[in-house]
C-alpha atoms as a PDB file:
ATOM      1  CA  MET A   1      64.541  74.103  54.384  1.00  0.00           C
ATOM      2  CA  ASN A   2      61.103  73.606  53.469  1.00  0.00           C
ATOM      3  CA  GLU A   3      61.374  77.273  52.156  1.00  0.00           C
ATOM      4  CA  ASP A   4      64.490  76.958  50.537  1.00  0.00           C
ATOM      5  CA  ILE A   5      63.902  73.441  48.770  1.00  0.00           C
ATOM      6  CA  SER A   6      60.569  74.841  47.469  1.00  0.00           C
ATOM      7  CA  LEU A   7      62.177  77.873  45.972  1.00  0.00           C
ATOM      8  CA  LEU A   8      65.047  76.099  43.540  1.00  0.00           C
ATOM      9  CA  ILE A   9      62.310  73.629  42.642  1.00  0.00           C
ATOM     10  CA  LYS A  10      59.629  77.160  41.979  1.00  0.00           C
ATOM     11  CA  ASN A  11      62.551  78.421  40.178  1.00  0.00           C
ATOM     12  CA  CYS A  12      64.230  75.430  37.977  1.00  0.00           C
ATOM     13  CA  CYS A  13      63.049  75.351  34.794  1.00  0.00           C
ATOM     14  CA  LYS A  14      65.638  72.567  33.155  1.00  0.00           C
ATOM     15  CA  CYS A  15      62.327  70.452  32.131  1.00  0.00           C
ATOM     16  CA  GLY A  16      60.161  72.590  30.857  1.00  0.00           C
ATOM     17  CA  GLU A  17      57.024  73.941  32.544  1.00  0.00           C
ATOM     18  CA  LEU A  18      56.383  71.098  34.065  1.00  0.00           C
ATOM     19  CA  GLN A  19      53.637  70.699  37.214  1.00  0.00           C
ATOM     20  CA  LYS A  20      56.116  71.522  39.604  1.00  0.00           C
ATOM     21  CA  GLN A  21      55.597  69.689  43.321  1.00  0.00           C
ATOM     22  CA  THR A  22      56.282  72.815  45.368  1.00  0.00           C
ATOM     23  CA  ASP A  23      54.577  72.545  48.950  1.00  0.00           C
ATOM     24  CA  CYS A  24      55.082  69.068  49.282  1.00  0.00           C
ATOM     25  CA  PHE A  25      57.817  67.542  48.534  1.00  0.00           C
ATOM     26  CA  LEU A  26      59.346  65.598  51.509  1.00  0.00           C
ATOM     27  CA  GLN A  27      57.121  63.758  53.895  1.00  0.00           C
ATOM     28  CA  THR A  28      58.658  63.586  56.822  1.00  0.00           C
ATOM     29  CA  GLY A  29      59.175  60.574  59.197  1.00  0.00           C
ATOM     30  CA  LYS A  30      60.436  58.958  62.014  1.00  0.00           C
ATOM     31  CA  THR A  31      62.710  56.374  60.744  1.00  0.00           C
ATOM     32  CA  ASN A  32      66.567  56.490  59.493  1.00  0.00           C
ATOM     33  CA  PHE A  33      65.924  55.695  55.932  1.00  0.00           C
ATOM     34  CA  ILE A  34      63.794  57.426  52.976  1.00  0.00           C
ATOM     35  CA  ILE A  35      61.972  55.934  50.226  1.00  0.00           C
ATOM     36  CA  ILE A  36      62.798  58.073  46.420  1.00  0.00           C
ATOM     37  CA  GLY A  37      60.408  57.243  43.968  1.00  0.00           C
ATOM     38  CA  GLU A  38      60.470  58.298  40.040  1.00  0.00           C
ATOM     39  CA  SER A  39      58.061  60.940  40.009  1.00  0.00           C
ATOM     40  CA  PRO A  40      55.184  62.551  41.812  1.00  0.00           C
ATOM     41  CA  ALA A  41      51.300  61.290  39.943  1.00  0.00           C
ATOM     42  CA  LYS A  42      48.824  63.843  39.010  1.00  0.00           C
ATOM     43  CA  ASP A  43      46.370  62.155  40.724  1.00  0.00           C
ATOM     44  CA  GLY A  44      48.677  61.591  43.783  1.00  0.00           C
ATOM     45  CA  TRP A  45      50.302  63.758  46.666  1.00  0.00           C
ATOM     46  CA  ILE A  46      51.208  67.027  44.836  1.00  0.00           C
ATOM     47  CA  VAL A  47      47.376  67.698  45.154  1.00  0.00           C
ATOM     48  CA  SER A  48      46.703  65.297  48.817  1.00  0.00           C
ATOM     49  CA  LYS A  49      49.434  66.618  50.672  1.00  0.00           C
ATOM     50  CA  ARG A  50      50.196  62.921  51.523  1.00  0.00           C
ATOM     51  CA  ALA A  51      52.387  60.463  49.618  1.00  0.00           C
ATOM     52  CA  PHE A  52      50.505  57.588  48.217  1.00  0.00           C
ATOM     53  CA  TYR A  53      46.677  59.146  48.779  1.00  0.00           C
ATOM     54  CA  ASN A  54      44.959  60.993  46.528  1.00  0.00           C
ATOM     55  CA  VAL A  55      42.879  64.235  46.967  1.00  0.00           C
ATOM     56  CA  ASN A  56      40.546  62.163  48.765  1.00  0.00           C
ATOM     57  CA  GLY A  57      42.854  60.821  51.019  1.00  0.00           C
ATOM     58  CA  LYS A  58      42.346  57.181  49.555  1.00  0.00           C
ATOM     59  CA  LEU A  59      45.261  55.015  49.808  1.00  0.00           C
ATOM     60  CA  GLN A  60      46.499  54.268  46.415  1.00  0.00           C
ATOM     61  CA  ALA A  61      47.285  51.040  44.178  1.00  0.00           C
ATOM     62  CA  THR A  62      51.154  51.484  44.860  1.00  0.00           C
ATOM     63  CA  GLY A  63      50.647  52.888  48.599  1.00  0.00           C
ATOM     64  CA  ARG A  64      48.498  49.724  49.589  1.00  0.00           C
ATOM     65  CA  VAL A  65      51.428  47.496  47.997  1.00  0.00           C
ATOM     66  CA  LEU A  66      53.957  49.842  49.871  1.00  0.00           C
ATOM     67  CA  GLU A  67      51.812  49.371  53.206  1.00  0.00           C
ATOM     68  CA  LYS A  68      52.247  45.756  53.236  1.00  0.00           C
ATOM     69  CA  LEU A  69      55.522  45.884  52.765  1.00  0.00           C
ATOM     70  CA  LEU A  70      56.546  48.191  55.756  1.00  0.00           C
ATOM     71  CA  ASN A  71      53.642  46.790  57.918  1.00  0.00           C
ATOM     72  CA  ASN A  72      55.895  43.538  57.560  1.00  0.00           C
ATOM     73  CA  ILE A  73      58.671  44.888  59.233  1.00  0.00           C
ATOM     74  CA  GLY A  74      56.759  47.118  61.902  1.00  0.00           C
ATOM     75  CA  PHE A  75      56.247  50.228  59.958  1.00  0.00           C
ATOM     76  CA  THR A  76      54.064  52.316  57.900  1.00  0.00           C
ATOM     77  CA  LEU A  77      53.843  54.995  55.603  1.00  0.00           C
ATOM     78  CA  ASP A  78      53.665  57.547  57.987  1.00  0.00           C
ATOM     79  CA  ASP A  79      57.100  56.050  59.276  1.00  0.00           C
ATOM     80  CA  ILE A  80      59.048  57.161  56.215  1.00  0.00           C
ATOM     81  CA  TYR A  81      60.844  59.453  54.766  1.00  0.00           C
ATOM     82  CA  PHE A  82      59.317  59.780  51.140  1.00  0.00           C
ATOM     83  CA  THR A  83      60.403  62.114  47.850  1.00  0.00           C
ATOM     84  CA  GLU A  84      60.360  61.969  44.543  1.00  0.00           C
ATOM     85  CA  CYS A  85      64.042  61.901  42.633  1.00  0.00           C
ATOM     86  CA  CYS A  86      62.119  64.368  40.138  1.00  0.00           C
ATOM     87  CA  LYS A  87      60.077  67.173  41.192  1.00  0.00           C
ATOM     88  CA  CYS A  88      57.671  67.889  38.534  1.00  0.00           C
ATOM     89  CA  ILE A  89      55.186  65.312  37.085  1.00  0.00           C
ATOM     90  CA  ILE A  90      56.611  63.432  34.221  1.00  0.00           C
ATOM     91  CA  GLU A  91      53.986  61.764  32.220  1.00  0.00           C
ATOM     92  CA  ASP A  92      56.758  60.661  29.170  1.00  0.00           C
ATOM     93  CA  ARG A  93      58.651  57.889  31.269  1.00  0.00           C
ATOM     94  CA  ARG A  94      61.256  58.124  28.277  1.00  0.00           C
ATOM     95  CA  LYS A  95      61.840  61.705  29.889  1.00  0.00           C
ATOM     96  CA  LEU A  96      62.081  60.183  33.368  1.00  0.00           C
ATOM     97  CA  ASN A  97      66.210  59.803  32.890  1.00  0.00           C
ATOM     98  CA  GLU A  98      66.726  63.470  31.796  1.00  0.00           C
ATOM     99  CA  SER A  99      64.211  64.567  34.038  1.00  0.00           C
ATOM    100  CA  SER A 100      66.282  62.940  37.194  1.00  0.00           C
ATOM    101  CA  LYS A 101      69.463  64.243  36.222  1.00  0.00           C
ATOM    102  CA  ASN A 102      67.922  67.606  35.935  1.00  0.00           C
ATOM    103  CA  CYS A 103      66.799  66.734  39.793  1.00  0.00           C
ATOM    104  CA  PHE A 104      69.564  66.007  41.456  1.00  0.00           C
ATOM    105  CA  TYR A 105      71.316  68.574  43.069  1.00  0.00           C
ATOM    106  CA  ILE A 106      67.345  69.238  44.418  1.00  0.00           C
ATOM    107  CA  LEU A 107      67.701  65.858  45.412  1.00  0.00           C
ATOM    108  CA  LYS A 108      70.800  66.091  47.055  1.00  0.00           C
ATOM    109  CA  GLU A 109      70.159  68.932  49.155  1.00  0.00           C
ATOM    110  CA  GLN A 110      67.006  67.113  50.213  1.00  0.00           C
ATOM    111  CA  LEU A 111      68.939  64.816  51.204  1.00  0.00           C
ATOM    112  CA  LYS A 112      71.542  66.494  53.382  1.00  0.00           C
ATOM    113  CA  LYS A 113      69.149  67.924  55.412  1.00  0.00           C
ATOM    114  CA  ILE A 114      67.275  64.970  56.295  1.00  0.00           C
ATOM    115  CA  PRO A 115      68.200  62.606  59.969  1.00  0.00           C
ATOM    116  CA  CYS A 116      68.513  59.508  56.791  1.00  0.00           C
ATOM    117  CA  SER A 117      71.189  57.388  56.672  1.00  0.00           C
ATOM    118  CA  ILE A 118      69.863  54.317  54.123  1.00  0.00           C
ATOM    119  CA  ILE A 119      67.973  55.268  51.423  1.00  0.00           C
ATOM    120  CA  LEU A 120      65.797  53.026  49.530  1.00  0.00           C
ATOM    121  CA  THR A 121      64.865  53.981  45.349  1.00  0.00           C
ATOM    122  CA  MET A 122      62.022  52.896  44.395  1.00  0.00           C
ATOM    123  CA  GLY A 123      62.724  51.700  40.643  1.00  0.00           C
ATOM    124  CA  GLN A 124      66.137  52.012  37.893  1.00  0.00           C
ATOM    125  CA  PHE A 125      65.765  56.034  37.569  1.00  0.00           C
ATOM    126  CA  PRO A 126      66.537  56.684  41.000  1.00  0.00           C
ATOM    127  CA  THR A 127      68.600  54.228  41.499  1.00  0.00           C
ATOM    128  CA  GLN A 128      70.607  55.107  38.381  1.00  0.00           C
ATOM    129  CA  THR A 129      70.631  58.852  39.415  1.00  0.00           C
ATOM    130  CA  LEU A 130      72.392  58.340  42.908  1.00  0.00           C
ATOM    131  CA  LEU A 131      74.783  55.553  41.447  1.00  0.00           C
ATOM    132  CA  GLN A 132      75.755  58.292  38.955  1.00  0.00           C
ATOM    133  CA  THR A 133      76.041  55.018  36.231  1.00  0.00           C
ATOM    134  CA  LYS A 134      74.043  53.785  33.315  1.00  0.00           C
ATOM    135  CA  ILE A 135      71.717  50.650  34.451  1.00  0.00           C
ATOM    136  CA  LYS A 136      71.453  48.374  31.809  1.00  0.00           C
ATOM    137  CA  LYS A 137      69.582  45.666  33.950  1.00  0.00           C
ATOM    138  CA  PHE A 138      67.831  47.033  37.002  1.00  0.00           C
ATOM    139  CA  SER A 139      67.613  43.213  38.368  1.00  0.00           C
ATOM    140  CA  ASP A 140      71.558  42.966  39.218  1.00  0.00           C
ATOM    141  CA  TYR A 141      71.097  46.144  41.583  1.00  0.00           C
ATOM    142  CA  VAL A 142      68.276  45.157  43.145  1.00  0.00           C
ATOM    143  CA  GLY A 143      67.888  44.118  47.117  1.00  0.00           C
ATOM    144  CA  LYS A 144      72.398  45.248  46.783  1.00  0.00           C
ATOM    145  CA  GLU A 145      73.792  47.783  49.353  1.00  0.00           C
ATOM    146  CA  PHE A 146      75.702  50.276  47.601  1.00  0.00           C
ATOM    147  CA  GLU A 147      78.026  52.698  49.848  1.00  0.00           C
ATOM    148  CA  ILE A 148      77.126  56.480  48.642  1.00  0.00           C
ATOM    149  CA  LYS A 149      79.016  59.882  49.666  1.00  0.00           C
ATOM    150  CA  ILE A 150      76.211  63.185  48.567  1.00  0.00           C
ATOM    151  CA  SER A 151      77.097  66.403  49.445  1.00  0.00           C
ATOM    152  CA  GLY A 152      80.056  64.829  52.447  1.00  0.00           C
ATOM    153  CA  LYS A 153      76.867  62.332  53.719  1.00  0.00           C
ATOM    154  CA  ASP A 154      77.324  58.689  53.962  1.00  0.00           C
ATOM    155  CA  PHE A 155      74.267  56.312  53.127  1.00  0.00           C
ATOM    156  CA  LYS A 156      73.477  53.082  52.129  1.00  0.00           C
ATOM    157  CA  LEU A 157      71.315  52.551  49.261  1.00  0.00           C
ATOM    158  CA  ILE A 158      69.657  49.490  48.445  1.00  0.00           C
ATOM    159  CA  PRO A 159      67.764  49.648  45.127  1.00  0.00           C
ATOM    160  CA  ILE A 160      63.954  47.912  45.382  1.00  0.00           C
ATOM    161  CA  TYR A 161      61.438  47.149  43.264  1.00  0.00           C
ATOM    162  CA  HIS A 162      58.599  49.583  42.347  1.00  0.00           C
ATOM    163  CA  PRO A 163      55.476  48.731  44.489  1.00  0.00           C
ATOM    164  CA  SER A 164      53.439  49.255  41.733  1.00  0.00           C
ATOM    165  CA  PRO A 165      50.541  46.442  41.989  1.00  0.00           C
ATOM    166  CA  LEU A 166      51.667  46.204  38.286  1.00  0.00           C
ATOM    167  CA  ASN A 167      54.513  44.841  38.638  1.00  0.00           C
ATOM    168  CA  PRO A 168      54.857  41.117  39.441  1.00  0.00           C
ATOM    169  CA  LYS A 169      57.790  41.552  41.304  1.00  0.00           C
ATOM    170  CA  GLY A 170      56.990  45.016  44.010  1.00  0.00           C
ATOM    171  CA  TYR A 171      55.613  43.061  46.644  1.00  0.00           C
ATOM    172  CA  LYS A 172      56.554  39.490  46.141  1.00  0.00           C
ATOM    173  CA  GLU A 173      60.302  40.102  44.874  1.00  0.00           C
ATOM    174  CA  ASN A 174      60.754  43.192  47.694  1.00  0.00           C
ATOM    175  CA  LEU A 175      59.759  40.758  50.771  1.00  0.00           C
ATOM    176  CA  PRO A 176      63.010  39.737  51.387  1.00  0.00           C
ATOM    177  CA  ILE A 177      64.613  43.111  50.980  1.00  0.00           C
ATOM    178  CA  PHE A 178      62.857  44.364  53.669  1.00  0.00           C
ATOM    179  CA  GLU A 179      62.636  41.666  56.205  1.00  0.00           C
ATOM    180  CA  LYS A 180      67.104  42.740  55.164  1.00  0.00           C
ATOM    181  CA  ILE A 181      66.138  46.243  55.816  1.00  0.00           C
ATOM    182  CA  LYS A 182      63.844  45.044  59.066  1.00  0.00           C
ATOM    183  CA  SER A 183      67.171  45.049  61.320  1.00  0.00           C
ATOM    184  CA  MET A 184      68.869  47.930  59.824  1.00  0.00           C
ATOM    185  CA  VAL A 185      66.472  50.513  60.178  1.00  0.00           C
ATOM    186  CA  LYS A 186      65.375  52.020  63.623  1.00  0.00           C
ATOM    187  CA  TYR A 187      63.005  54.791  64.735  1.00  0.00           C
ATOM    188  CA  SER A 188      64.428  58.697  64.978  1.00  0.00           C
END
């Protein structure tokens, strides 16, 4: 699986010649859910090879918030599947929507091959890409459950606020969502 996905990413040029995430594009977990972020950070796991950690092995700020949310329901970052909607570093946030659509065929291949039935999307762009709809007000979607089918496989999608410490809703507003998720998740 990794070689197939890596080749898809390496050979894609839909967004131009951006730095790509070819070696580390999926963190394997032990649960039945995957968290999907927006785009890799240039100092994040694209260089460290470990989601939410920098090259020096230090847990980044967003990772600390997410780890705290996961700890509240009995999990750690190492327990979860994780990937990004975009496979390239997208520094201009105005391009996230287009880039998310461009990478959707790769994301579908990833989701087809992992043993997860629940998807948590971090933020608007992965959510609207997977739901294939334009979202005007993200808060109308957060915490709700959506039944979707990708490549013939059924998933339950639950959008969460991005757990960045800069996002005032990233921890507090996600707490009840993670409590709801607690009863739905299990180790695989």
